[in-house]
PDB file of all heavy atoms in Angstrom:
ATOM      1  N   LEU A   1     302.291  89.833 280.110  1.00  0.00           N
ATOM      2  CA  LEU A   1     302.995  88.987 279.161  1.00  0.00           C
ATOM      3  C   LEU A   1     304.377  88.630 279.682  1.00  0.00           C
ATOM      4  O   LEU A   1     305.063  89.454 280.277  1.00  0.00           O
ATOM      5  CB  LEU A   1     303.130  89.698 277.817  1.00  0.00           C
ATOM      6  CG  LEU A   1     301.831  90.016 277.069  1.00  0.00           C
ATOM      7  CD1 LEU A   1     302.136  90.848 275.825  1.00  0.00           C
ATOM      8  CD2 LEU A   1     301.089  88.744 276.695  1.00  0.00           C
ATOM      9  N   SER A   2     304.771  87.379 279.455  1.00  0.00           N
ATOM     10  CA  SER A   2     306.119  86.953 279.816  1.00  0.00           C
ATOM     11  C   SER A   2     307.114  87.521 278.808  1.00  0.00           C
ATOM     12  O   SER A   2     306.763  87.833 277.669  1.00  0.00           O
ATOM     13  CB  SER A   2     306.212  85.425 279.821  1.00  0.00           C
ATOM     14  OG  SER A   2     305.332  84.867 280.776  1.00  0.00           O
ATOM     15  N   ARG A   3     308.360  87.637 279.241  1.00  0.00           N
ATOM     16  CA  ARG A   3     309.420  88.139 278.377  1.00  0.00           C
ATOM     17  C   ARG A   3     310.592  87.168 278.370  1.00  0.00           C
ATOM     18  O   ARG A   3     310.921  86.587 279.401  1.00  0.00           O
ATOM     19  CB  ARG A   3     309.887  89.521 278.839  1.00  0.00           C
ATOM     20  CG  ARG A   3     308.839  90.610 278.663  1.00  0.00           C
ATOM     21  CD  ARG A   3     309.330  91.939 279.224  1.00  0.00           C
ATOM     22  NE  ARG A   3     308.418  93.038 278.901  1.00  0.00           N
ATOM     23  CZ  ARG A   3     308.601  94.303 279.283  1.00  0.00           C
ATOM     24  NH1 ARG A   3     309.672  94.615 280.027  1.00  0.00           N
ATOM     25  NH2 ARG A   3     307.733  95.228 278.942  1.00  0.00           N
ATOM     26  N   THR A   4     311.234  87.036 277.231  1.00  0.00           N
ATOM     27  CA  THR A   4     312.425  86.200 277.164  1.00  0.00           C
ATOM     28  C   THR A   4     313.627  86.985 277.695  1.00  0.00           C
ATOM     29  O   THR A   4     313.561  88.200 277.905  1.00  0.00           O
ATOM     30  CB  THR A   4     312.710  85.748 275.716  1.00  0.00           C
ATOM     31  OG1 THR A   4     313.276  86.840 274.977  1.00  0.00           O
ATOM     32  CG2 THR A   4     311.447  85.270 275.015  1.00  0.00           C
ATOM     33  N   SER A   5     314.728  86.307 277.883  1.00  0.00           N
ATOM     34  CA  SER A   5     315.937  86.975 278.384  1.00  0.00           C
ATOM     35  C   SER A   5     316.549  87.908 277.342  1.00  0.00           C
ATOM     36  O   SER A   5     317.492  88.638 277.639  1.00  0.00           O
ATOM     37  CB  SER A   5     316.977  85.932 278.814  1.00  0.00           C
ATOM     38  OG  SER A   5     317.313  85.069 277.749  1.00  0.00           O
ATOM     39  N   LEU A   6     315.997  87.915 276.120  1.00  0.00           N
ATOM     40  CA  LEU A   6     316.488  88.783 275.054  1.00  0.00           C
ATOM     41  C   LEU A   6     315.606  90.016 274.849  1.00  0.00           C
ATOM     42  O   LEU A   6     315.808  90.763 273.883  1.00  0.00           O
ATOM     43  CB  LEU A   6     316.575  88.000 273.737  1.00  0.00           C
ATOM     44  CG  LEU A   6     317.667  86.933 273.699  1.00  0.00           C
ATOM     45  CD1 LEU A   6     317.498  86.045 272.466  1.00  0.00           C
ATOM     46  CD2 LEU A   6     319.044  87.570 273.700  1.00  0.00           C
ATOM     47  N   HIS A   7     314.654  90.232 275.735  1.00  0.00           N
ATOM     48  CA  HIS A   7     313.731  91.348 275.552  1.00  0.00           C
ATOM     49  C   HIS A   7     314.470  92.680 275.409  1.00  0.00           C
ATOM     50  O   HIS A   7     314.133  93.511 274.552  1.00  0.00           O
ATOM     51  CB  HIS A   7     312.739  91.417 276.718  1.00  0.00           C
ATOM     52  CG  HIS A   7     311.738  92.521 276.570  1.00  0.00           C
ATOM     53  ND1 HIS A   7     311.951  93.788 277.072  1.00  0.00           N
ATOM     54  CD2 HIS A   7     310.530  92.549 275.970  1.00  0.00           C
ATOM     55  CE1 HIS A   7     310.907  94.551 276.783  1.00  0.00           C
ATOM     56  NE2 HIS A   7     310.033  93.823 276.114  1.00  0.00           N
ATOM     57  N   GLY A   8     315.480  92.898 276.228  1.00  0.00           N
ATOM     58  CA  GLY A   8     316.247  94.141 276.143  1.00  0.00           C
ATOM     59  C   GLY A   8     316.944  94.304 274.805  1.00  0.00           C
ATOM     60  O   GLY A   8     317.029  95.420 274.264  1.00  0.00           O
ATOM     61  N   ARG A   9     317.447  93.199 274.239  1.00  0.00           N
ATOM     62  CA  ARG A   9     318.083  93.258 272.928  1.00  0.00           C
ATOM     63  C   ARG A   9     317.065  93.643 271.861  1.00  0.00           C
ATOM     64  O   ARG A   9     317.353  94.453 270.970  1.00  0.00           O
ATOM     65  CB  ARG A   9     318.714  91.904 272.569  1.00  0.00           C
ATOM     66  CG  ARG A   9     319.837  91.436 273.488  1.00  0.00           C
ATOM     67  CD  ARG A   9     321.034  92.365 273.427  1.00  0.00           C
ATOM     68  NE  ARG A   9     322.233  91.791 273.985  1.00  0.00           N
ATOM     69  CZ  ARG A   9     322.571  91.806 275.277  1.00  0.00           C
ATOM     70  NH1 ARG A   9     321.758  92.375 276.163  1.00  0.00           N
ATOM     71  NH2 ARG A   9     323.707  91.263 275.693  1.00  0.00           N
ATOM     72  N   HIS A  10     315.877  93.074 271.935  1.00  0.00           N
ATOM     73  CA  HIS A  10     314.842  93.381 270.946  1.00  0.00           C
ATOM     74  C   HIS A  10     314.438  94.861 271.026  1.00  0.00           C
ATOM     75  O   HIS A  10     314.298  95.532 269.999  1.00  0.00           O
ATOM     76  CB  HIS A  10     313.619  92.496 271.166  1.00  0.00           C
ATOM     77  CG  HIS A  10     313.917  91.031 271.132  1.00  0.00           C
ATOM     78  ND1 HIS A  10     314.788  90.475 270.222  1.00  0.00           N
ATOM     79  CD2 HIS A  10     313.456  89.997 271.896  1.00  0.00           C
ATOM     80  CE1 HIS A  10     314.861  89.165 270.431  1.00  0.00           C
ATOM     81  NE2 HIS A  10     314.062  88.859 271.431  1.00  0.00           N
ATOM     82  N   ALA A  11     314.258  95.337 272.237  1.00  0.00           N
ATOM     83  CA  ALA A  11     313.866  96.738 272.415  1.00  0.00           C
ATOM     84  C   ALA A  11     314.945  97.673 271.886  1.00  0.00           C
ATOM     85  O   ALA A  11     314.655  98.690 271.235  1.00  0.00           O
ATOM     86  CB  ALA A  11     313.575  97.014 273.890  1.00  0.00           C
ATOM     87  N   ALA A  12     316.220  97.340 272.151  1.00  0.00           N
ATOM     88  CA  ALA A  12     317.316  98.194 271.699  1.00  0.00           C
ATOM     89  C   ALA A  12     317.405  98.250 270.180  1.00  0.00           C
ATOM     90  O   ALA A  12     317.850  99.257 269.607  1.00  0.00           O
ATOM     91  CB  ALA A  12     318.633  97.681 272.281  1.00  0.00           C
ATOM     92  N   LEU A  13     316.953  97.182 269.506  1.00  0.00           N
ATOM     93  CA  LEU A  13     316.969  97.148 268.050  1.00  0.00           C
ATOM     94  C   LEU A  13     315.726  97.792 267.445  1.00  0.00           C
ATOM     95  O   LEU A  13     315.571  97.825 266.218  1.00  0.00           O
ATOM     96  CB  LEU A  13     317.078  95.694 267.562  1.00  0.00           C
ATOM     97  CG  LEU A  13     318.439  95.019 267.754  1.00  0.00           C
ATOM     98  CD1 LEU A  13     318.335  93.524 267.494  1.00  0.00           C
ATOM     99  CD2 LEU A  13     319.484  95.646 266.835  1.00  0.00           C
ATOM    100  N   GLY A  14     314.841  98.279 268.286  1.00  0.00           N
ATOM    101  CA  GLY A  14     313.630  98.931 267.797  1.00  0.00           C
ATOM    102  C   GLY A  14     312.584  97.975 267.285  1.00  0.00           C
ATOM    103  O   GLY A  14     311.762  98.338 266.430  1.00  0.00           O
ATOM    104  N   ALA A  15     312.567  96.748 267.808  1.00  0.00           N
ATOM    105  CA  ALA A  15     311.616  95.745 267.333  1.00  0.00           C
ATOM    106  C   ALA A  15     310.180  96.164 267.609  1.00  0.00           C
ATOM    107  O   ALA A  15     309.879  96.772 268.641  1.00  0.00           O
ATOM    108  CB  ALA A  15     311.890  94.401 267.993  1.00  0.00           C
ATOM    109  N   ARG A  16     309.303  95.835 266.688  1.00  0.00           N
ATOM    110  CA  ARG A  16     307.865  95.957 266.940  1.00  0.00           C
ATOM    111  C   ARG A  16     307.471  94.718 267.735  1.00  0.00           C
ATOM    112  O   ARG A  16     307.549  93.594 267.241  1.00  0.00           O
ATOM    113  CB  ARG A  16     307.095  96.024 265.627  1.00  0.00           C
ATOM    114  CG  ARG A  16     305.576  95.967 265.782  1.00  0.00           C
ATOM    115  CD  ARG A  16     305.017  97.197 266.480  1.00  0.00           C
ATOM    116  NE  ARG A  16     303.574  97.108 266.633  1.00  0.00           N
ATOM    117  CZ  ARG A  16     302.696  97.521 265.717  1.00  0.00           C
ATOM    118  NH1 ARG A  16     303.142  98.025 264.562  1.00  0.00           N
ATOM    119  NH2 ARG A  16     301.412  97.426 265.926  1.00  0.00           N
ATOM    120  N   LEU A  17     307.069  94.917 268.982  1.00  0.00           N
ATOM    121  CA  LEU A  17     306.759  93.813 269.875  1.00  0.00           C
ATOM    122  C   LEU A  17     305.260  93.582 269.916  1.00  0.00           C
ATOM    123  O   LEU A  17     304.459  94.523 269.781  1.00  0.00           O
ATOM    124  CB  LEU A  17     307.290  94.102 271.274  1.00  0.00           C
ATOM    125  CG  LEU A  17     308.814  94.283 271.372  1.00  0.00           C
ATOM    126  CD1 LEU A  17     309.199  94.915 272.696  1.00  0.00           C
ATOM    127  CD2 LEU A  17     309.518  92.944 271.194  1.00  0.00           C
ATOM    128  N   GLY A  18     304.854  92.335 270.106  1.00  0.00           N
ATOM    129  CA  GLY A  18     303.445  92.002 270.179  1.00  0.00           C
ATOM    130  C   GLY A  18     303.221  90.752 270.991  1.00  0.00           C
ATOM    131  O   GLY A  18     304.156  90.001 271.286  1.00  0.00           O
ATOM    132  N   ALA A  19     301.981  90.522 271.368  1.00  0.00           N
ATOM    133  CA  ALA A  19     301.622  89.356 272.172  1.00  0.00           C
ATOM    134  C   ALA A  19     301.571  88.112 271.303  1.00  0.00           C
ATOM    135  O   ALA A  19     301.009  88.117 270.208  1.00  0.00           O
ATOM    136  CB  ALA A  19     300.277  89.589 272.845  1.00  0.00           C
ATOM    137  N   PHE A  20     302.175  87.021 271.807  1.00  0.00           N
ATOM    138  CA  PHE A  20     302.112  85.738 271.124  1.00  0.00           C
ATOM    139  C   PHE A  20     302.170  84.632 272.169  1.00  0.00           C
ATOM    140  O   PHE A  20     303.174  84.489 272.871  1.00  0.00           O
ATOM    141  CB  PHE A  20     303.266  85.574 270.124  1.00  0.00           C
ATOM    142  CG  PHE A  20     303.193  84.303 269.324  1.00  0.00           C
ATOM    143  CD1 PHE A  20     302.390  84.222 268.195  1.00  0.00           C
ATOM    144  CD2 PHE A  20     303.905  83.186 269.712  1.00  0.00           C
ATOM    145  CE1 PHE A  20     302.298  83.047 267.468  1.00  0.00           C
ATOM    146  CE2 PHE A  20     303.828  82.002 268.989  1.00  0.00           C
ATOM    147  CZ  PHE A  20     303.021  81.935 267.860  1.00  0.00           C
ATOM    148  N   ALA A  21     301.077  83.890 272.307  1.00  0.00           N
ATOM    149  CA  ALA A  21     301.010  82.746 273.221  1.00  0.00           C
ATOM    150  C   ALA A  21     301.425  83.113 274.643  1.00  0.00           C
ATOM    151  O   ALA A  21     302.088  82.341 275.331  1.00  0.00           O
ATOM    152  CB  ALA A  21     301.868  81.590 272.706  1.00  0.00           C
ATOM    153  N   GLY A  22     301.018  84.310 275.087  1.00  0.00           N
ATOM    154  CA  GLY A  22     301.318  84.728 276.446  1.00  0.00           C
ATOM    155  C   GLY A  22     302.668  85.391 276.622  1.00  0.00           C
ATOM    156  O   GLY A  22     303.050  85.728 277.742  1.00  0.00           O
ATOM    157  N   TRP A  23     303.393  85.602 275.514  1.00  0.00           N
ATOM    158  CA  TRP A  23     304.721  86.204 275.561  1.00  0.00           C
ATOM    159  C   TRP A  23     304.737  87.500 274.764  1.00  0.00           C
ATOM    160  O   TRP A  23     304.007  87.639 273.774  1.00  0.00           O
ATOM    161  CB  TRP A  23     305.763  85.256 274.961  1.00  0.00           C
ATOM    162  CG  TRP A  23     305.999  84.033 275.789  1.00  0.00           C
ATOM    163  CD1 TRP A  23     305.219  82.912 275.824  1.00  0.00           C
ATOM    164  CD2 TRP A  23     307.068  83.799 276.697  1.00  0.00           C
ATOM    165  NE1 TRP A  23     305.751  81.989 276.706  1.00  0.00           N
ATOM    166  CE2 TRP A  23     306.882  82.513 277.261  1.00  0.00           C
ATOM    167  CE3 TRP A  23     308.175  84.549 277.095  1.00  0.00           C
ATOM    168  CZ2 TRP A  23     307.757  81.962 278.185  1.00  0.00           C
ATOM    169  CZ3 TRP A  23     309.054  84.004 278.015  1.00  0.00           C
ATOM    170  CH2 TRP A  23     308.841  82.723 278.559  1.00  0.00           C
ATOM    171  N   GLU A  24     305.579  88.436 275.166  1.00  0.00           N
ATOM    172  CA  GLU A  24     305.818  89.637 274.384  1.00  0.00           C
ATOM    173  C   GLU A  24     307.014  89.353 273.482  1.00  0.00           C
ATOM    174  O   GLU A  24     308.146  89.246 273.961  1.00  0.00           O
ATOM    175  CB  GLU A  24     306.097  90.839 275.285  1.00  0.00           C
ATOM    176  CG  GLU A  24     306.180  92.146 274.522  1.00  0.00           C
ATOM    177  CD  GLU A  24     306.372  93.348 275.425  1.00  0.00           C
ATOM    178  OE1 GLU A  24     306.888  93.181 276.557  1.00  0.00           O
ATOM    179  OE2 GLU A  24     306.012  94.462 274.994  1.00  0.00           O
ATOM    180  N   MET A  25     306.743  89.217 272.182  1.00  0.00           N
ATOM    181  CA  MET A  25     307.760  88.740 271.249  1.00  0.00           C
ATOM    182  C   MET A  25     307.988  89.738 270.120  1.00  0.00           C
ATOM    183  O   MET A  25     307.089  90.512 269.764  1.00  0.00           O
ATOM    184  CB  MET A  25     307.318  87.390 270.655  1.00  0.00           C
ATOM    185  CG  MET A  25     307.157  86.278 271.677  1.00  0.00           C
ATOM    186  SD  MET A  25     308.706  85.853 272.510  1.00  0.00           S
ATOM    187  CE  MET A  25     309.669  85.203 271.154  1.00  0.00           C
ATOM    188  N   PRO A  26     309.173  89.720 269.517  1.00  0.00           N
ATOM    189  CA  PRO A  26     309.440  90.603 268.371  1.00  0.00           C
ATOM    190  C   PRO A  26     308.702  90.117 267.128  1.00  0.00           C
ATOM    191  O   PRO A  26     308.907  88.979 266.686  1.00  0.00           O
ATOM    192  CB  PRO A  26     310.953  90.509 268.192  1.00  0.00           C
ATOM    193  CG  PRO A  26     311.315  89.167 268.756  1.00  0.00           C
ATOM    194  CD  PRO A  26     310.361  88.920 269.889  1.00  0.00           C
ATOM    195  N   LEU A  27     307.838  90.962 266.594  1.00  0.00           N
ATOM    196  CA  LEU A  27     307.125  90.617 265.365  1.00  0.00           C
ATOM    197  C   LEU A  27     308.003  90.910 264.151  1.00  0.00           C
ATOM    198  O   LEU A  27     308.062  90.117 263.214  1.00  0.00           O
ATOM    199  CB  LEU A  27     305.822  91.393 265.283  1.00  0.00           C
ATOM    200  CG  LEU A  27     304.873  91.207 266.476  1.00  0.00           C
ATOM    201  CD1 LEU A  27     303.614  92.033 266.287  1.00  0.00           C
ATOM    202  CD2 LEU A  27     304.531  89.730 266.673  1.00  0.00           C
ATOM    203  N   TYR A  28     308.669  92.041 264.161  1.00  0.00           N
ATOM    204  CA  TYR A  28     309.650  92.376 263.144  1.00  0.00           C
ATOM    205  C   TYR A  28     310.525  93.499 263.673  1.00  0.00           C
ATOM    206  O   TYR A  28     310.207  94.153 264.666  1.00  0.00           O
ATOM    207  CB  TYR A  28     308.994  92.774 261.814  1.00  0.00           C
ATOM    208  CG  TYR A  28     308.037  93.929 261.900  1.00  0.00           C
ATOM    209  CD1 TYR A  28     308.473  95.251 261.794  1.00  0.00           C
ATOM    210  CD2 TYR A  28     306.671  93.708 262.069  1.00  0.00           C
ATOM    211  CE1 TYR A  28     307.587  96.309 261.875  1.00  0.00           C
ATOM    212  CE2 TYR A  28     305.777  94.767 262.149  1.00  0.00           C
ATOM    213  CZ  TYR A  28     306.236  96.056 262.051  1.00  0.00           C
ATOM    214  OH  TYR A  28     305.368  97.110 262.139  1.00  0.00           O
ATOM    215  N   TYR A  29     311.650  93.720 263.031  1.00  0.00           N
ATOM    216  CA  TYR A  29     312.601  94.752 263.448  1.00  0.00           C
ATOM    217  C   TYR A  29     312.549  95.937 262.489  1.00  0.00           C
ATOM    218  O   TYR A  29     312.156  97.030 262.856  1.00  0.00           O
ATOM    219  CB  TYR A  29     314.013  94.166 263.528  1.00  0.00           C
ATOM    220  CG  TYR A  29     314.115  93.066 264.567  1.00  0.00           C
ATOM    221  CD1 TYR A  29     313.818  91.747 264.229  1.00  0.00           C
ATOM    222  CD2 TYR A  29     314.469  93.349 265.881  1.00  0.00           C
ATOM    223  CE1 TYR A  29     313.893  90.733 265.172  1.00  0.00           C
ATOM    224  CE2 TYR A  29     314.544  92.344 266.832  1.00  0.00           C
ATOM    225  CZ  TYR A  29     314.246  91.041 266.479  1.00  0.00           C
ATOM    226  OH  TYR A  29     314.303  90.047 267.414  1.00  0.00           O
ATOM    227  N   SER A  30     312.941  95.736 261.258  1.00  0.00           N
ATOM    228  CA  SER A  30     312.872  96.815 260.263  1.00  0.00           C
ATOM    229  C   SER A  30     311.655  96.615 259.371  1.00  0.00           C
ATOM    230  O   SER A  30     310.737  97.421 259.347  1.00  0.00           O
ATOM    231  CB  SER A  30     314.157  96.859 259.438  1.00  0.00           C
ATOM    232  OG  SER A  30     314.399  95.604 258.824  1.00  0.00           O
ATOM    233  N   ALA A  31     311.624  95.481 258.669  1.00  0.00           N
ATOM    234  CA  ALA A  31     310.508  95.140 257.791  1.00  0.00           C
ATOM    235  C   ALA A  31     310.473  93.625 257.649  1.00  0.00           C
ATOM    236  O   ALA A  31     311.501  92.997 257.360  1.00  0.00           O
ATOM    237  CB  ALA A  31     310.672  95.805 256.429  1.00  0.00           C
ATOM    238  N   ALA A  32     309.311  93.039 257.835  1.00  0.00           N
ATOM    239  CA  ALA A  32     309.190  91.584 257.809  1.00  0.00           C
ATOM    240  C   ALA A  32     309.596  90.999 256.462  1.00  0.00           C
ATOM    241  O   ALA A  32     310.201  89.927 256.385  1.00  0.00           O
ATOM    242  CB  ALA A  32     307.759  91.178 258.153  1.00  0.00           C
ATOM    243  N   ARG A  33     309.279  91.698 255.383  1.00  0.00           N
ATOM    244  CA  ARG A  33     309.618  91.198 254.055  1.00  0.00           C
ATOM    245  C   ARG A  33     311.135  91.113 253.873  1.00  0.00           C
ATOM    246  O   ARG A  33     311.657  90.134 253.328  1.00  0.00           O
ATOM    247  CB  ARG A  33     308.993  92.115 253.003  1.00  0.00           C
ATOM    248  CG  ARG A  33     309.028  91.590 251.578  1.00  0.00           C
ATOM    249  CD  ARG A  33     308.326  92.582 250.650  1.00  0.00           C
ATOM    250  NE  ARG A  33     308.290  92.128 249.271  1.00  0.00           N
ATOM    251  CZ  ARG A  33     307.326  91.391 248.746  1.00  0.00           C
ATOM    252  NH1 ARG A  33     306.290  91.018 249.493  1.00  0.00           N
ATOM    253  NH2 ARG A  33     307.369  91.021 247.477  1.00  0.00           N
ATOM    254  N   ALA A  34     311.854  92.127 254.353  1.00  0.00           N
ATOM    255  CA  ALA A  34     313.312  92.111 254.259  1.00  0.00           C
ATOM    256  C   ALA A  34     313.910  91.005 255.119  1.00  0.00           C
ATOM    257  O   ALA A  34     314.896  90.360 254.733  1.00  0.00           O
ATOM    258  CB  ALA A  34     313.880  93.467 254.672  1.00  0.00           C
TER     259      ALA A  34
END
């Protein structure tokens, strides 16, 4: 999976990462509803 230049920021925030259109993207950080 490709990663954006913000991947490190997402990981540091504890994001739940997942595959989307060939990219590893943040699905949510704390809770999607919030």
